[in-house]
């Protein structure tokens, strides 16, 4: 007797995005299925990142499209409020610890980035080839961010009696930081562009999660016990945070 293996019926590929037609042209809306999502949600994204429509794992594309069409006006309005992308370029400016710095290429010089004062202006002198300037500036800011975040996190950890095992930097757009129960903290390197009290707050926030993996009143009490400027920092991020994501390479 001969047995024949039945080939599985090919499934059509799942859609990865929707196109939304606006007065400014077509906008690609990234589509994400989430196993724990109960509802359809729409996130604006950043100046560099596409808007994201999150749907339940068993949701339908028809319902997702209808949800997008119902909220298209809101999305276009919110996108119009996003700051324009600001490239990192010779002669331009970037913030470092809340202070604007002029970026200047130093032709023929070796090294990486040096910060100096020139009159009333703070300047980043960037050595190396001009085409590598954006990357050198970002690498420099990542090193500065890692140093500041390690110092702040370890200080808060000592005050709260917890242990930080590792600190990683990312360029995440949906959150400024995250924490695992094993003591691994992740932060956006872009925090180095914000004023120091904002970076300090994010360090305190994630370290406090090592005691309270939630956002309960007890959690916020822990954060405020080591960071008095919690409210001011949260307000600053809500107001100015999008501008940090708009600084591109």
Protein backbone atom coordinates (compact mmCIF):
# COMPACT_ATOMS: atom_id res chain seq x y z
CA UNK A 1 0.00 0.00 0.00
CA UNK A 2 1.31 3.41 -0.91
CA UNK A 3 0.67 6.36 1.37
CA UNK A 4 0.71 9.88 -0.01
CA UNK A 5 1.57 12.79 2.22
CA UNK A 6 -0.93 15.56 1.93
CA UNK A 7 0.77 18.86 1.40
CA UNK A 8 -0.45 21.66 3.67
CA UNK A 9 -2.65 24.22 2.02
CA UNK A 10 -0.56 27.34 1.44
CA UNK A 11 -1.72 30.25 3.56
CA UNK A 12 -1.82 33.76 2.15
CA UNK A 13 0.84 36.00 3.64
CA UNK A 14 -0.32 38.18 6.48
CA UNK A 15 -0.44 41.86 5.80
CA UNK A 16 2.36 43.80 7.46
CA UNK A 17 1.03 47.30 6.86
CA UNK A 18 -1.85 49.41 5.62
CA UNK A 19 -1.56 52.41 3.31
CA UNK A 20 -3.35 55.55 4.42
CA UNK A 21 -3.88 58.26 1.83
CA UNK A 22 -3.47 61.79 3.24
CA UNK A 23 -3.07 65.27 1.83
CA UNK A 24 0.69 64.90 2.31
CA UNK A 25 0.80 61.60 0.43
CA UNK A 26 0.62 57.94 1.36
CA UNK A 27 1.49 56.91 4.92
CA UNK A 28 2.46 53.31 5.70
CA UNK A 29 0.83 52.11 8.92
CA UNK A 30 2.74 49.18 10.43
CA UNK A 31 0.47 46.33 11.49
CA UNK A 32 1.33 44.28 14.57
CA UNK A 33 -0.50 41.31 16.06
CA UNK A 34 -0.05 40.97 19.81
CA UNK A 35 -0.99 37.81 21.73
CA UNK A 36 -2.16 39.77 24.78
CA UNK A 37 -3.94 42.58 22.97
CA UNK A 38 -7.68 42.70 23.59
CA UNK A 39 -8.46 45.76 21.52
CA UNK A 40 -7.24 47.54 18.44
CA UNK A 41 -4.90 50.42 19.27
CA UNK A 42 -3.13 53.04 17.21
CA UNK A 43 0.21 54.62 18.11
CA UNK A 44 1.46 57.69 16.29
CA UNK A 45 5.12 56.66 16.25
CA UNK A 46 7.95 59.17 15.99
CA UNK A 47 9.31 61.57 13.43
CA UNK A 48 11.38 58.69 12.04
CA UNK A 49 9.16 55.71 12.84
CA UNK A 50 5.92 54.70 11.17
CA UNK A 51 2.60 54.72 13.04
CA UNK A 52 1.67 51.30 14.42
CA UNK A 53 -1.73 49.64 14.54
CA UNK A 54 -1.78 46.84 17.13
CA UNK A 55 -4.46 44.19 16.86
CA UNK A 56 -5.43 41.04 18.80
CA UNK A 57 -3.89 37.80 17.57
CA UNK A 58 -7.29 36.59 16.34
CA UNK A 59 -8.40 39.97 15.04
CA UNK A 60 -9.37 40.41 11.41
CA UNK A 61 -7.79 42.67 8.83
CA UNK A 62 -11.25 43.96 7.95
CA UNK A 63 -11.85 45.14 11.52
CA UNK A 64 -8.31 46.56 11.70
CA UNK A 65 -8.83 48.56 8.52
CA UNK A 66 -12.18 49.86 9.74
CA UNK A 67 -10.57 50.90 13.03
CA UNK A 68 -7.84 52.76 11.14
CA UNK A 69 -10.33 54.53 8.89
CA UNK A 70 -12.38 55.66 11.91
CA UNK A 71 -9.30 57.18 13.54
CA UNK A 72 -7.54 58.45 10.42
CA UNK A 73 -8.39 62.08 11.16
CA UNK A 74 -6.94 61.85 14.67
CA UNK A 75 -3.80 60.13 13.38
CA UNK A 76 -3.13 62.72 10.67
CA UNK A 77 -3.64 65.51 13.21
CA UNK A 78 -1.20 63.93 15.67
CA UNK A 79 1.39 63.27 12.97
CA UNK A 80 1.25 66.94 12.06
CA UNK A 81 2.42 67.76 15.57
CA UNK A 82 5.57 65.65 15.33
CA UNK A 83 8.83 67.58 15.01
CA UNK A 84 10.72 67.35 11.75
CA UNK A 85 13.72 65.05 11.56
CA UNK A 86 16.91 66.89 12.46
CA UNK A 87 19.97 65.29 10.88
CA UNK A 88 23.32 65.25 12.65
CA UNK A 89 25.54 67.20 10.29
CA UNK A 90 28.56 69.48 10.19
CA UNK A 91 27.50 72.95 11.32
CA UNK A 92 24.28 71.73 12.90
CA UNK A 93 23.42 71.44 16.57
CA UNK A 94 22.60 68.57 18.93
CA UNK A 95 21.66 68.68 22.61
CA UNK A 96 23.92 67.05 25.18
CA UNK A 97 22.70 66.94 28.78
CA UNK A 98 20.12 69.56 27.88
CA UNK A 99 22.60 72.02 26.36
CA UNK A 100 22.78 72.74 22.65
CA UNK A 101 26.16 71.91 21.07
CA UNK A 102 27.42 73.04 17.70
CA UNK A 103 28.80 70.14 15.63
CA UNK A 104 32.00 70.99 13.75
CA UNK A 105 34.06 68.66 11.61
CA UNK A 106 37.84 68.87 12.12
CA UNK A 107 39.38 67.92 8.79
CA UNK A 108 42.61 65.94 8.94
CA UNK A 109 42.43 65.32 12.67
CA UNK A 110 42.41 61.91 14.31
CA UNK A 111 40.38 60.80 17.27
CA UNK A 112 36.66 60.88 17.92
CA UNK A 113 34.73 63.72 19.57
CA UNK A 114 35.93 66.48 21.87
CA UNK A 115 33.65 68.96 23.62
CA UNK A 116 35.03 72.49 24.07
CA UNK A 117 33.84 75.99 24.84
CA UNK A 118 34.15 78.61 22.12
CA UNK A 119 32.98 81.86 23.61
CA UNK A 120 29.42 81.39 24.84
CA UNK A 121 28.89 78.31 22.69
CA UNK A 122 29.48 74.65 23.43
CA UNK A 123 31.05 72.83 20.49
CA UNK A 124 31.56 69.18 19.52
CA UNK A 125 34.74 68.85 17.50
CA UNK A 126 34.43 65.70 15.40
CA UNK A 127 37.56 64.17 13.89
CA UNK A 128 37.80 61.62 11.10
CA UNK A 129 36.22 61.52 7.67
CA UNK A 130 33.21 63.75 7.12
CA UNK A 131 30.92 60.90 6.01
CA UNK A 132 31.44 59.23 9.39
CA UNK A 133 30.55 62.33 11.39
CA UNK A 134 26.95 61.33 12.32
CA UNK A 135 28.05 57.90 13.49
CA UNK A 136 30.93 59.32 15.52
CA UNK A 137 28.61 61.77 17.26
CA UNK A 138 26.11 59.03 18.10
CA UNK A 139 28.85 56.69 19.34
CA UNK A 140 30.19 59.48 21.55
CA UNK A 141 26.75 60.19 23.02
CA UNK A 142 26.16 56.50 23.65
CA UNK A 143 29.38 56.30 25.66
CA UNK A 144 28.37 59.36 27.66
CA UNK A 145 24.89 57.94 28.21
CA UNK A 146 26.26 54.60 29.44
CA UNK A 147 28.54 56.35 31.92
CA UNK A 148 25.84 58.66 33.30
CA UNK A 149 23.21 55.92 33.50
CA UNK A 150 25.54 53.49 35.26
CA UNK A 151 26.40 56.09 37.88
CA UNK A 152 22.78 57.08 38.44
CA UNK A 153 21.44 53.51 38.50
CA UNK A 154 24.09 52.26 40.93
CA UNK A 155 23.48 55.23 43.22
CA UNK A 156 19.74 54.59 43.31
CA UNK A 157 20.28 50.85 43.71
CA UNK A 158 22.38 51.46 46.81
CA UNK A 159 19.68 53.70 48.27
CA UNK A 160 16.95 51.13 47.64
CA UNK A 161 19.01 48.09 48.59
CA UNK A 162 18.72 46.31 45.24
CA UNK A 163 21.25 45.01 42.74
CA UNK A 164 21.67 46.00 39.11
CA UNK A 165 23.28 43.21 37.07
CA UNK A 166 23.64 44.88 33.70
CA UNK A 167 22.77 48.05 31.82
CA UNK A 168 22.12 48.08 28.09
CA UNK A 169 21.48 50.91 25.66
CA UNK A 170 18.93 50.80 22.88
CA UNK A 171 17.20 53.16 20.49
CA UNK A 172 13.67 52.18 21.37
CA UNK A 173 10.85 54.54 20.48
CA UNK A 174 7.97 53.13 22.54
CA UNK A 175 9.62 53.53 25.96
CA UNK A 176 12.60 55.25 27.54
CA UNK A 177 13.62 52.34 29.71
CA UNK A 178 12.77 48.84 30.79
CA UNK A 179 13.66 46.39 33.55
CA UNK A 180 13.67 42.62 33.97
CA UNK A 181 13.19 40.70 37.19
CA UNK A 182 16.76 39.42 36.85
CA UNK A 183 18.22 42.91 37.28
CA UNK A 184 18.91 43.81 33.65
CA UNK A 185 18.07 47.42 32.78
CA UNK A 186 17.69 48.90 29.31
CA UNK A 187 17.60 52.58 28.42
CA UNK A 188 17.35 54.73 25.34
CA UNK A 189 20.74 56.30 24.66
CA UNK A 190 18.88 59.47 23.67
CA UNK A 191 18.40 60.28 27.35
CA UNK A 192 21.88 61.82 27.29
CA UNK A 193 20.39 64.61 25.19
CA UNK A 194 17.92 65.51 27.94
CA UNK A 195 18.75 67.56 31.06
CA UNK A 196 20.50 65.47 33.76
CA UNK A 197 17.48 65.42 36.07
CA UNK A 198 15.50 63.60 33.35
CA UNK A 199 18.13 60.89 32.93
CA UNK A 200 18.35 60.58 36.72
CA UNK A 201 14.59 60.07 36.94
CA UNK A 202 14.61 57.30 34.33
CA UNK A 203 17.41 55.55 36.19
CA UNK A 204 15.44 55.79 39.44
CA UNK A 205 12.29 54.58 37.68
CA UNK A 206 13.84 51.39 36.35
CA UNK A 207 15.81 50.65 39.52
CA UNK A 208 12.60 50.96 41.56
CA UNK A 209 11.10 48.23 39.39
CA UNK A 210 13.62 45.84 40.95
CA UNK A 211 11.47 46.08 44.07
CA UNK A 212 8.08 46.70 42.51
CA UNK A 213 7.46 45.29 39.02
CA UNK A 214 4.36 47.44 38.61
CA UNK A 215 3.22 51.06 38.72
CA UNK A 216 1.41 50.90 42.02
CA UNK A 217 1.38 53.75 44.57
CA UNK A 218 4.16 51.91 46.41
CA UNK A 219 6.26 51.94 43.25
CA UNK A 220 5.86 55.68 42.76
CA UNK A 221 6.67 56.25 46.41
CA UNK A 222 9.97 54.41 45.88
CA UNK A 223 10.82 56.49 42.81
CA UNK A 224 10.03 59.77 44.54
CA UNK A 225 12.02 58.75 47.62
CA UNK A 226 15.24 58.75 45.56
CA UNK A 227 14.30 61.29 42.88
CA UNK A 228 12.62 64.48 44.06
CA UNK A 229 12.24 65.81 40.51
CA UNK A 230 10.06 62.91 39.34
CA UNK A 231 7.08 65.08 38.39
CA UNK A 232 9.23 67.64 36.59
CA UNK A 233 11.08 64.93 34.66
CA UNK A 234 7.88 63.21 33.56
CA UNK A 235 6.45 66.53 32.41
CA UNK A 236 9.64 67.28 30.46
CA UNK A 237 9.54 63.92 28.67
CA UNK A 238 5.89 64.35 27.74
CA UNK A 239 6.60 67.80 26.37
CA UNK A 240 10.07 67.46 24.83
CA UNK A 241 10.60 63.73 24.39
CA UNK A 242 9.44 63.56 20.75
CA UNK A 243 12.07 66.11 19.77
CA UNK A 244 14.82 63.75 20.94
CA UNK A 245 13.54 60.97 18.69
CA UNK A 246 13.55 63.41 15.77
CA UNK A 247 17.31 63.81 15.92
CA UNK A 248 18.51 61.40 13.27
CA UNK A 249 21.70 60.20 11.70
